[in-house]
C-alpha atoms as a PDB file:
ATOM      1  CA  MET A   1      17.801  -1.484  -5.753  1.00  0.00           C
ATOM      2  CA  GLY A   2      17.521  -4.107  -3.141  1.00  0.00           C
ATOM      3  CA  GLU A   3      14.554  -6.014  -1.850  1.00  0.00           C
ATOM      4  CA  SER A   4      14.406  -3.878   1.258  1.00  0.00           C
ATOM      5  CA  TYR A   5      13.846  -0.764  -0.877  1.00  0.00           C
ATOM      6  CA  ILE A   6      10.830  -2.389  -2.560  1.00  0.00           C
ATOM      7  CA  VAL A   7       9.424  -3.502   0.770  1.00  0.00           C
ATOM      8  CA  ARG A   8       9.801   0.023   2.166  1.00  0.00           C
ATOM      9  CA  GLU A   9       8.147   1.481  -0.933  1.00  0.00           C
ATOM     10  CA  ILE A  10       5.184  -0.918  -0.596  1.00  0.00           C
ATOM     11  CA  SER A  11       4.961  -0.052   3.143  1.00  0.00           C
ATOM     12  CA  GLU A  12       4.828   3.669   2.394  1.00  0.00           C
ATOM     13  CA  GLU A  13       2.158   3.170  -0.322  1.00  0.00           C
ATOM     14  CA  THR A  14       0.141   1.015   2.092  1.00  0.00           C
ATOM     15  CA  LYS A  15       0.188   3.852   4.669  1.00  0.00           C
ATOM     16  CA  ARG A  16      -0.972   6.373   2.023  1.00  0.00           C
ATOM     17  CA  LEU A  17      -3.837   4.110   0.881  1.00  0.00           C
ATOM     18  CA  TYR A  18      -4.887   3.384   4.427  1.00  0.00           C
ATOM     19  CA  GLN A  19      -5.035   7.104   5.312  1.00  0.00           C
ATOM     20  CA  LYS A  20      -6.994   7.794   2.095  1.00  0.00           C
ATOM     21  CA  ARG A  21      -9.574   5.103   2.767  1.00  0.00           C
ATOM     22  CA  TYR A  22      -9.968   5.023   6.516  1.00  0.00           C
ATOM     23  CA  GLY A  23      -8.552   8.273   7.857  1.00  0.00           C
ATOM     24  CA  LYS A  24      -8.176   8.120  11.607  1.00  0.00           C
ATOM     25  CA  ARG A  25      -9.722   4.660  12.036  1.00  0.00           C
ATOM     26  CA  SER A  26      -7.465   2.377  14.025  1.00  0.00           C
ATOM     27  CA  PRO A  27      -5.863  -0.434  12.013  1.00  0.00           C
ATOM     28  CA  SER A  28      -6.723  -2.835  14.854  1.00  0.00           C
ATOM     29  CA  THR A  29     -10.392  -2.420  14.008  1.00  0.00           C
ATOM     30  CA  LEU A  30      -9.962  -3.658  10.435  1.00  0.00           C
ATOM     31  CA  SER A  31     -10.531  -7.248   9.427  1.00  0.00           C
ATOM     32  CA  THR A  32      -7.693  -9.349   8.114  1.00  0.00           C
ATOM     33  CA  GLN A  33      -9.338  -9.225   4.716  1.00  0.00           C
ATOM     34  CA  GLU A  34      -9.385  -5.397   4.700  1.00  0.00           C
ATOM     35  CA  LEU A  35      -5.727  -5.262   5.677  1.00  0.00           C
ATOM     36  CA  ASP A  36      -4.770  -7.864   3.007  1.00  0.00           C
ATOM     37  CA  ASP A  37      -6.723  -5.883   0.366  1.00  0.00           C
ATOM     38  CA  ILE A  38      -4.871  -2.670   1.159  1.00  0.00           C
ATOM     39  CA  THR A  39      -1.507  -4.364   1.109  1.00  0.00           C
ATOM     40  CA  THR A  40      -2.272  -6.161  -2.168  1.00  0.00           C
ATOM     41  CA  GLU A  41      -3.416  -2.971  -3.810  1.00  0.00           C
ATOM     42  CA  ALA A  42      -0.319  -1.093  -2.578  1.00  0.00           C
ATOM     43  CA  GLY A  43       1.949  -3.805  -4.041  1.00  0.00           C
ATOM     44  CA  LYS A  44       0.201  -3.566  -7.399  1.00  0.00           C
ATOM     45  CA  ARG A  45       0.418   0.238  -7.364  1.00  0.00           C
ATOM     46  CA  VAL A  46       4.185   0.137  -6.635  1.00  0.00           C
ATOM     47  CA  GLN A  47       4.689  -2.356  -9.511  1.00  0.00           C
ATOM     48  CA  ASP A  48       2.660  -0.114 -11.853  1.00  0.00           C
ATOM     49  CA  LYS A  49       4.665   2.963 -10.800  1.00  0.00           C
ATOM     50  CA  ARG A  50       7.902   1.137 -11.461  1.00  0.00           C
ATOM     51  CA  LYS A  51       6.690   0.155 -14.931  1.00  0.00           C
ATOM     52  CA  GLY A  52       5.531   3.683 -15.652  1.00  0.00           C
ATOM     53  CA  ARG A  53       1.808   2.821 -15.950  1.00  0.00           C
ATOM     54  CA  LEU A  54       0.568   4.567 -12.860  1.00  0.00           C
ATOM     55  CA  VAL A  55       0.603   8.385 -12.766  1.00  0.00           C
ATOM     56  CA  GLU A  56      -0.986  10.168  -9.812  1.00  0.00           C
END
């Protein structure tokens, strides 16, 4: 598994979290902090999934 696979996985998780939280709201209307929070949470969720701690 390369680094690009992990980045893609985090990107997909970020999209899922964004849709879950904000629905149809345009990403351009979010603050930098809100975008950072979503990306950080997605990264943590991907790590937890890989370690087997997160089950949806």
